[in-house]
């Protein structure tokens, strides 16, 4: 197998994982229900970043400013398969038509942080390549 072939055919395109972020979300059996998440591509990451970026006026000129909370909310909505934050039922329950607002309304601050950290890790952020090589 050539090196080029390895880049053209990566082992996994996207990964999925279940994560428990809180004991507040309990199933009928009384056990915590996991959130099902997936990894994001750089293209998806860039789209989330771009959507959360605005031009603001600074000293007579314009400067791009990214709203970090909106950016992370967009990442969460894009990468969370279950629950589907974009479903009409979920949005209606949390009193919004905008799925980007749902994670902020649904989750406690620590849950928001745990979910976003799990998504970022699954998407390749914060991974130590030396540790992966050992495994």
Protein backbone atom coordinates (compact mmCIF):
# COMPACT_ATOMS: atom_id res chain seq x y z
CA UNK A 1 0.00 0.00 0.00
CA UNK A 2 1.45 3.33 -1.02
CA UNK A 3 1.44 6.39 1.20
CA UNK A 4 -0.96 8.08 -1.21
CA UNK A 5 -3.40 5.20 -0.87
CA UNK A 6 -3.42 5.66 2.90
CA UNK A 7 -4.49 9.31 2.48
CA UNK A 8 -7.10 8.47 -0.15
CA UNK A 9 -8.62 5.69 1.94
CA UNK A 10 -8.52 6.57 5.65
CA UNK A 11 -9.61 3.81 8.00
CA UNK A 12 -12.68 5.64 9.30
CA UNK A 13 -14.42 8.58 7.65
CA UNK A 14 -16.52 9.55 10.67
CA UNK A 15 -16.77 7.98 14.08
CA UNK A 16 -19.80 7.68 16.32
CA UNK A 17 -19.82 7.28 20.07
CA UNK A 18 -22.26 7.28 22.97
CA UNK A 19 -21.43 9.48 25.96
CA UNK A 20 -23.16 9.96 29.28
CA UNK A 21 -22.90 13.62 30.16
CA UNK A 22 -25.32 13.75 33.07
CA UNK A 23 -27.46 11.74 35.44
CA UNK A 24 -30.36 14.14 34.74
CA UNK A 25 -31.41 12.39 31.54
CA UNK A 26 -32.83 9.06 32.70
CA UNK A 27 -34.47 6.35 30.64
CA UNK A 28 -37.48 4.31 31.67
CA UNK A 29 -35.15 1.88 33.42
CA UNK A 30 -33.83 4.69 35.63
CA UNK A 31 -30.37 4.62 34.04
CA UNK A 32 -28.71 7.64 32.40
CA UNK A 33 -29.41 7.88 28.67
CA UNK A 34 -26.32 8.50 26.53
CA UNK A 35 -26.00 11.20 23.94
CA UNK A 36 -24.97 9.75 20.56
CA UNK A 37 -22.37 11.93 18.87
CA UNK A 38 -20.26 11.80 15.74
CA UNK A 39 -16.97 13.28 14.64
CA UNK A 40 -16.95 16.37 12.45
CA UNK A 41 -14.85 17.06 9.38
CA UNK A 42 -12.85 20.26 9.04
CA UNK A 43 -15.33 21.36 6.38
CA UNK A 44 -18.18 21.07 8.92
CA UNK A 45 -16.07 22.78 11.59
CA UNK A 46 -15.34 25.67 9.22
CA UNK A 47 -19.03 26.03 8.37
CA UNK A 48 -19.91 26.25 12.09
CA UNK A 49 -17.17 28.82 12.64
CA UNK A 50 -18.21 30.91 9.64
CA UNK A 51 -21.87 30.90 10.70
CA UNK A 52 -20.89 32.16 14.17
CA UNK A 53 -18.64 34.94 12.83
CA UNK A 54 -19.82 38.50 12.31
CA UNK A 55 -18.19 41.67 11.01
CA UNK A 56 -18.15 44.29 13.73
CA UNK A 57 -17.16 47.91 13.44
CA UNK A 58 -13.91 48.72 15.26
CA UNK A 59 -12.21 52.14 15.03
CA UNK A 60 -13.93 53.01 11.76
CA UNK A 61 -13.10 49.67 10.14
CA UNK A 62 -14.54 46.21 10.25
CA UNK A 63 -13.14 43.20 12.05
CA UNK A 64 -14.35 39.60 12.13
CA UNK A 65 -15.46 38.42 15.56
CA UNK A 66 -16.52 34.86 16.35
CA UNK A 67 -19.18 34.30 18.99
CA UNK A 68 -17.58 31.33 20.79
CA UNK A 69 -20.80 30.20 22.52
CA UNK A 70 -22.66 30.18 19.20
CA UNK A 71 -19.76 28.36 17.52
CA UNK A 72 -19.72 25.60 20.14
CA UNK A 73 -23.53 25.38 20.06
CA UNK A 74 -23.36 24.91 16.29
CA UNK A 75 -20.74 22.17 16.72
CA UNK A 76 -22.97 20.43 19.27
CA UNK A 77 -26.03 20.59 17.01
CA UNK A 78 -24.05 19.35 13.98
CA UNK A 79 -22.39 16.46 15.83
CA UNK A 80 -25.17 15.23 18.11
CA UNK A 81 -27.24 12.47 16.55
CA UNK A 82 -29.34 11.69 19.61
CA UNK A 83 -31.11 13.74 20.77
CA UNK A 84 -31.72 15.54 17.50
CA UNK A 85 -31.54 19.18 18.57
CA UNK A 86 -32.97 20.24 15.19
CA UNK A 87 -36.17 18.21 15.49
CA UNK A 88 -39.35 20.27 15.59
CA UNK A 89 -40.49 18.45 18.75
CA UNK A 90 -37.29 19.24 20.67
CA UNK A 91 -37.21 22.87 19.51
CA UNK A 92 -40.87 23.35 20.40
CA UNK A 93 -40.36 21.80 23.85
CA UNK A 94 -37.57 24.29 24.60
CA UNK A 95 -39.54 27.24 23.22
CA UNK A 96 -37.46 28.05 20.17
CA UNK A 97 -37.47 27.56 16.43
CA UNK A 98 -33.68 27.83 16.30
CA UNK A 99 -31.90 24.51 17.02
CA UNK A 100 -28.72 26.43 17.90
CA UNK A 101 -30.48 27.70 21.04
CA UNK A 102 -31.56 24.24 22.23
CA UNK A 103 -28.26 23.07 23.81
CA UNK A 104 -28.10 26.32 25.80
CA UNK A 105 -31.66 25.87 27.07
CA UNK A 106 -31.47 22.10 27.64
CA UNK A 107 -28.07 21.63 29.24
CA UNK A 108 -26.47 22.84 32.44
CA UNK A 109 -23.15 24.64 31.98
CA UNK A 110 -21.11 21.57 32.95
CA UNK A 111 -23.15 19.29 30.70
CA UNK A 112 -22.62 21.70 27.80
CA UNK A 113 -18.87 21.62 28.48
CA UNK A 114 -18.76 17.79 28.74
CA UNK A 115 -20.71 17.31 25.52
CA UNK A 116 -18.63 19.82 23.55
CA UNK A 117 -15.39 18.30 24.93
CA UNK A 118 -16.49 14.80 23.86
CA UNK A 119 -17.34 16.06 20.35
CA UNK A 120 -14.04 17.90 20.01
CA UNK A 121 -12.08 14.87 21.20
CA UNK A 122 -13.93 12.55 18.80
CA UNK A 123 -13.22 15.04 16.00
CA UNK A 124 -9.48 14.89 16.59
CA UNK A 125 -8.91 17.83 18.93
CA UNK A 126 -6.87 17.29 22.09
CA UNK A 127 -5.64 13.88 20.98
CA UNK A 128 -2.07 12.99 21.81
CA UNK A 129 -0.73 11.21 18.73
CA UNK A 130 2.05 9.59 20.76
CA UNK A 131 -0.56 7.93 23.00
CA UNK A 132 -2.52 6.75 19.96
CA UNK A 133 0.61 5.29 18.39
CA UNK A 134 1.22 3.29 21.57
CA UNK A 135 -2.31 1.85 21.42
